[in-house]
């Protein structure tokens, strides 16, 4: 059987479409809405935390979000950017960081684990407001039976 002539690069960009998510970077605090299927019902679950890593590899692009859960237990989740399960992303705060990966935050506890917030001008806030207004809100999935 002959190969179809697809290289690794063409396979990685196959199926990549613009999801309409707002642009976010490492250090930002975001809320990721993910569709969870339990039995024959489907619901939306929000995971809110800081982006500590992003890996851009075409269709296999992922980002890691870290939050402090109940009883000061840290929870990290890796989300595929192009997954149909990720239904929405909302940027809550912009972070002011100087590194591409924030793995050092894992060793910090309490106030030392906080990230600086970026001071944005009115012009940047208006641009962000226009960007979020242009993106459609994810549909709230009611219990389907």
C-alpha atoms as a PDB file:
ATOM      1  CA  UNK A   1       0.000   0.000   0.000  1.00  0.00           C
ATOM      2  CA  UNK A   2       1.366   3.391  -0.968  1.00  0.00           C
ATOM      3  CA  UNK A   3       1.596   6.298   1.419  1.00  0.00           C
ATOM      4  CA  UNK A   4      -0.811   9.141   0.727  1.00  0.00           C
ATOM      5  CA  UNK A   5       1.983  11.707   0.681  1.00  0.00           C
ATOM      6  CA  UNK A   6       1.119  13.288   4.013  1.00  0.00           C
ATOM      7  CA  UNK A   7       4.002  14.503   6.089  1.00  0.00           C
ATOM      8  CA  UNK A   8       4.066  14.990   9.839  1.00  0.00           C
ATOM      9  CA  UNK A   9       3.542  18.719   9.365  1.00  0.00           C
ATOM     10  CA  UNK A  10       0.463  18.328   7.157  1.00  0.00           C
ATOM     11  CA  UNK A  11      -1.088  15.858   9.594  1.00  0.00           C
ATOM     12  CA  UNK A  12      -0.570  18.279  12.519  1.00  0.00           C
ATOM     13  CA  UNK A  13      -2.411  21.126  10.766  1.00  0.00           C
ATOM     14  CA  UNK A  14      -5.207  18.900   9.431  1.00  0.00           C
ATOM     15  CA  UNK A  15      -8.455  19.789  11.175  1.00  0.00           C
ATOM     16  CA  UNK A  16      -7.174  22.969  12.830  1.00  0.00           C
ATOM     17  CA  UNK A  17      -9.937  25.585  12.769  1.00  0.00           C
ATOM     18  CA  UNK A  18     -10.442  28.819  14.634  1.00  0.00           C
ATOM     19  CA  UNK A  19     -12.523  28.004  17.698  1.00  0.00           C
ATOM     20  CA  UNK A  20     -13.349  31.643  18.443  1.00  0.00           C
ATOM     21  CA  UNK A  21     -11.762  31.575  21.881  1.00  0.00           C
ATOM     22  CA  UNK A  22     -10.234  34.804  23.194  1.00  0.00           C
ATOM     23  CA  UNK A  23      -6.466  34.960  23.049  1.00  0.00           C
ATOM     24  CA  UNK A  24      -4.792  34.025  26.312  1.00  0.00           C
ATOM     25  CA  UNK A  25      -1.220  33.491  27.437  1.00  0.00           C
ATOM     26  CA  UNK A  26       0.738  31.866  30.198  1.00  0.00           C
ATOM     27  CA  UNK A  27       0.043  33.659  33.489  1.00  0.00           C
ATOM     28  CA  UNK A  28      -3.565  34.555  32.679  1.00  0.00           C
ATOM     29  CA  UNK A  29      -6.423  33.446  34.905  1.00  0.00           C
ATOM     30  CA  UNK A  30      -9.070  31.762  32.791  1.00  0.00           C
ATOM     31  CA  UNK A  31     -12.324  29.861  33.200  1.00  0.00           C
ATOM     32  CA  UNK A  32     -12.586  26.813  30.944  1.00  0.00           C
ATOM     33  CA  UNK A  33     -16.069  25.449  30.271  1.00  0.00           C
ATOM     34  CA  UNK A  34     -15.978  21.748  29.527  1.00  0.00           C
ATOM     35  CA  UNK A  35     -18.850  19.476  28.546  1.00  0.00           C
ATOM     36  CA  UNK A  36     -19.090  16.439  30.836  1.00  0.00           C
ATOM     37  CA  UNK A  37     -21.158  13.416  29.877  1.00  0.00           C
ATOM     38  CA  UNK A  38     -22.583  11.349  32.735  1.00  0.00           C
ATOM     39  CA  UNK A  39     -24.659   8.438  31.572  1.00  0.00           C
ATOM     40  CA  UNK A  40     -27.167   9.817  29.073  1.00  0.00           C
ATOM     41  CA  UNK A  41     -27.012  13.381  30.459  1.00  0.00           C
ATOM     42  CA  UNK A  42     -24.610  16.128  29.533  1.00  0.00           C
ATOM     43  CA  UNK A  43     -23.663  19.175  31.620  1.00  0.00           C
ATOM     44  CA  UNK A  44     -21.175  22.039  31.564  1.00  0.00           C
ATOM     45  CA  UNK A  45     -18.420  22.210  34.170  1.00  0.00           C
ATOM     46  CA  UNK A  46     -16.223  25.262  34.738  1.00  0.00           C
ATOM     47  CA  UNK A  47     -12.568  24.906  35.749  1.00  0.00           C
ATOM     48  CA  UNK A  48     -11.049  28.229  36.820  1.00  0.00           C
ATOM     49  CA  UNK A  49      -7.331  28.746  37.390  1.00  0.00           C
ATOM     50  CA  UNK A  50      -4.004  30.085  36.148  1.00  0.00           C
ATOM     51  CA  UNK A  51      -2.465  29.001  32.849  1.00  0.00           C
ATOM     52  CA  UNK A  52       0.989  27.640  33.724  1.00  0.00           C
ATOM     53  CA  UNK A  53       1.970  26.125  30.348  1.00  0.00           C
ATOM     54  CA  UNK A  54       0.988  26.156  26.705  1.00  0.00           C
ATOM     55  CA  UNK A  55       2.204  23.786  24.032  1.00  0.00           C
ATOM     56  CA  UNK A  56       1.425  24.769  20.446  1.00  0.00           C
ATOM     57  CA  UNK A  57       1.665  21.770  18.146  1.00  0.00           C
ATOM     58  CA  UNK A  58      -1.062  22.260  15.571  1.00  0.00           C
ATOM     59  CA  UNK A  59      -4.074  20.068  16.248  1.00  0.00           C
ATOM     60  CA  UNK A  60      -2.322  18.625  19.322  1.00  0.00           C
ATOM     61  CA  UNK A  61      -2.031  22.025  21.074  1.00  0.00           C
ATOM     62  CA  UNK A  62      -2.663  21.895  24.817  1.00  0.00           C
ATOM     63  CA  UNK A  63      -2.681  24.247  27.777  1.00  0.00           C
ATOM     64  CA  UNK A  64      -2.292  23.460  31.468  1.00  0.00           C
ATOM     65  CA  UNK A  65      -4.504  25.178  34.057  1.00  0.00           C
ATOM     66  CA  UNK A  66      -3.740  25.069  37.789  1.00  0.00           C
ATOM     67  CA  UNK A  67      -6.106  25.984  40.612  1.00  0.00           C
ATOM     68  CA  UNK A  68      -6.112  25.615  44.368  1.00  0.00           C
ATOM     69  CA  UNK A  69      -9.035  23.415  45.331  1.00  0.00           C
ATOM     70  CA  UNK A  70     -10.619  22.474  48.631  1.00  0.00           C
ATOM     71  CA  UNK A  71      -8.343  22.132  51.683  1.00  0.00           C
ATOM     72  CA  UNK A  72      -5.503  23.893  49.796  1.00  0.00           C
ATOM     73  CA  UNK A  73      -5.006  20.988  47.412  1.00  0.00           C
ATOM     74  CA  UNK A  74      -3.618  22.027  44.039  1.00  0.00           C
ATOM     75  CA  UNK A  75      -5.366  20.641  40.964  1.00  0.00           C
ATOM     76  CA  UNK A  76      -3.900  20.777  37.456  1.00  0.00           C
ATOM     77  CA  UNK A  77      -5.678  19.851  34.265  1.00  0.00           C
ATOM     78  CA  UNK A  78      -4.338  19.671  30.743  1.00  0.00           C
ATOM     79  CA  UNK A  79      -6.890  20.716  28.135  1.00  0.00           C
ATOM     80  CA  UNK A  80      -6.564  20.043  24.390  1.00  0.00           C
ATOM     81  CA  UNK A  81      -7.259  23.353  22.654  1.00  0.00           C
ATOM     82  CA  UNK A  82      -9.083  21.845  19.673  1.00  0.00           C
ATOM     83  CA  UNK A  83     -11.161  19.328  21.629  1.00  0.00           C
ATOM     84  CA  UNK A  84     -14.922  19.434  21.028  1.00  0.00           C
ATOM     85  CA  UNK A  85     -15.373  18.881  24.785  1.00  0.00           C
ATOM     86  CA  UNK A  86     -13.932  22.340  25.537  1.00  0.00           C
ATOM     87  CA  UNK A  87     -16.926  24.546  24.812  1.00  0.00           C
ATOM     88  CA  UNK A  88     -15.695  27.911  26.036  1.00  0.00           C
ATOM     89  CA  UNK A  89     -12.808  29.878  27.498  1.00  0.00           C
ATOM     90  CA  UNK A  90     -13.170  33.174  29.339  1.00  0.00           C
ATOM     91  CA  UNK A  91     -10.187  35.319  30.357  1.00  0.00           C
ATOM     92  CA  UNK A  92     -10.725  36.656  33.876  1.00  0.00           C
ATOM     93  CA  UNK A  93      -7.369  38.359  34.566  1.00  0.00           C
ATOM     94  CA  UNK A  94      -4.249  39.023  32.560  1.00  0.00           C
ATOM     95  CA  UNK A  95      -1.026  37.915  34.200  1.00  0.00           C
ATOM     96  CA  UNK A  96       2.314  39.711  34.159  1.00  0.00           C
ATOM     97  CA  UNK A  97       4.939  36.954  33.911  1.00  0.00           C
ATOM     98  CA  UNK A  98       8.380  36.700  32.365  1.00  0.00           C
ATOM     99  CA  UNK A  99       8.584  32.983  31.629  1.00  0.00           C
ATOM    100  CA  UNK A 100       7.014  30.645  29.115  1.00  0.00           C
ATOM    101  CA  UNK A 101       6.386  27.845  31.615  1.00  0.00           C
ATOM    102  CA  UNK A 102       5.400  28.493  35.245  1.00  0.00           C
ATOM    103  CA  UNK A 103       6.242  25.102  36.698  1.00  0.00           C
ATOM    104  CA  UNK A 104       8.006  26.797  39.628  1.00  0.00           C
ATOM    105  CA  UNK A 105       4.562  27.749  41.003  1.00  0.00           C
ATOM    106  CA  UNK A 106       4.069  24.080  41.959  1.00  0.00           C
ATOM    107  CA  UNK A 107       6.629  24.451  44.747  1.00  0.00           C
ATOM    108  CA  UNK A 108       5.065  27.635  46.150  1.00  0.00           C
ATOM    109  CA  UNK A 109       2.406  27.783  48.861  1.00  0.00           C
ATOM    110  CA  UNK A 110      -0.092  30.505  49.789  1.00  0.00           C
ATOM    111  CA  UNK A 111       0.669  34.097  48.819  1.00  0.00           C
ATOM    112  CA  UNK A 112       3.972  33.104  47.219  1.00  0.00           C
ATOM    113  CA  UNK A 113       2.035  31.147  44.581  1.00  0.00           C
ATOM    114  CA  UNK A 114       0.124  34.218  43.381  1.00  0.00           C
ATOM    115  CA  UNK A 115       0.942  35.740  40.016  1.00  0.00           C
ATOM    116  CA  UNK A 116       1.154  39.469  39.357  1.00  0.00           C
ATOM    117  CA  UNK A 117      -1.754  40.973  37.515  1.00  0.00           C
ATOM    118  CA  UNK A 118      -1.042  43.004  34.423  1.00  0.00           C
ATOM    119  CA  UNK A 119      -2.150  46.617  34.588  1.00  0.00           C
ATOM    120  CA  UNK A 120      -4.154  47.267  31.444  1.00  0.00           C
ATOM    121  CA  UNK A 121      -4.997  50.633  29.968  1.00  0.00           C
ATOM    122  CA  UNK A 122      -8.485  51.764  29.006  1.00  0.00           C
ATOM    123  CA  UNK A 123      -7.653  51.189  25.345  1.00  0.00           C
ATOM    124  CA  UNK A 124      -6.673  47.562  26.046  1.00  0.00           C
ATOM    125  CA  UNK A 125      -9.833  47.035  28.105  1.00  0.00           C
ATOM    126  CA  UNK A 126     -12.001  48.351  25.259  1.00  0.00           C
ATOM    127  CA  UNK A 127     -10.240  46.091  22.758  1.00  0.00           C
ATOM    128  CA  UNK A 128     -10.765  43.087  25.047  1.00  0.00           C
ATOM    129  CA  UNK A 129     -14.429  44.011  25.512  1.00  0.00           C
ATOM    130  CA  UNK A 130     -14.916  44.167  21.731  1.00  0.00           C
ATOM    131  CA  UNK A 131     -13.136  40.818  21.353  1.00  0.00           C
ATOM    132  CA  UNK A 132     -15.321  39.104  23.942  1.00  0.00           C
ATOM    133  CA  UNK A 133     -18.472  40.670  22.490  1.00  0.00           C
ATOM    134  CA  UNK A 134     -17.573  39.261  19.078  1.00  0.00           C
ATOM    135  CA  UNK A 135     -17.175  35.711  20.402  1.00  0.00           C
ATOM    136  CA  UNK A 136     -20.443  33.821  20.909  1.00  0.00           C
ATOM    137  CA  UNK A 137     -21.245  32.582  24.393  1.00  0.00           C
ATOM    138  CA  UNK A 138     -21.281  28.780  24.783  1.00  0.00           C
ATOM    139  CA  UNK A 139     -24.739  27.295  24.807  1.00  0.00           C
ATOM    140  CA  UNK A 140     -25.907  26.136  28.205  1.00  0.00           C
ATOM    141  CA  UNK A 141     -26.697  22.500  27.789  1.00  0.00           C
ATOM    142  CA  UNK A 142     -29.852  21.568  29.617  1.00  0.00           C
ATOM    143  CA  UNK A 143     -30.377  18.040  30.836  1.00  0.00           C
ATOM    144  CA  UNK A 144     -31.096  16.040  27.718  1.00  0.00           C
ATOM    145  CA  UNK A 145     -32.844  12.769  28.082  1.00  0.00           C
END
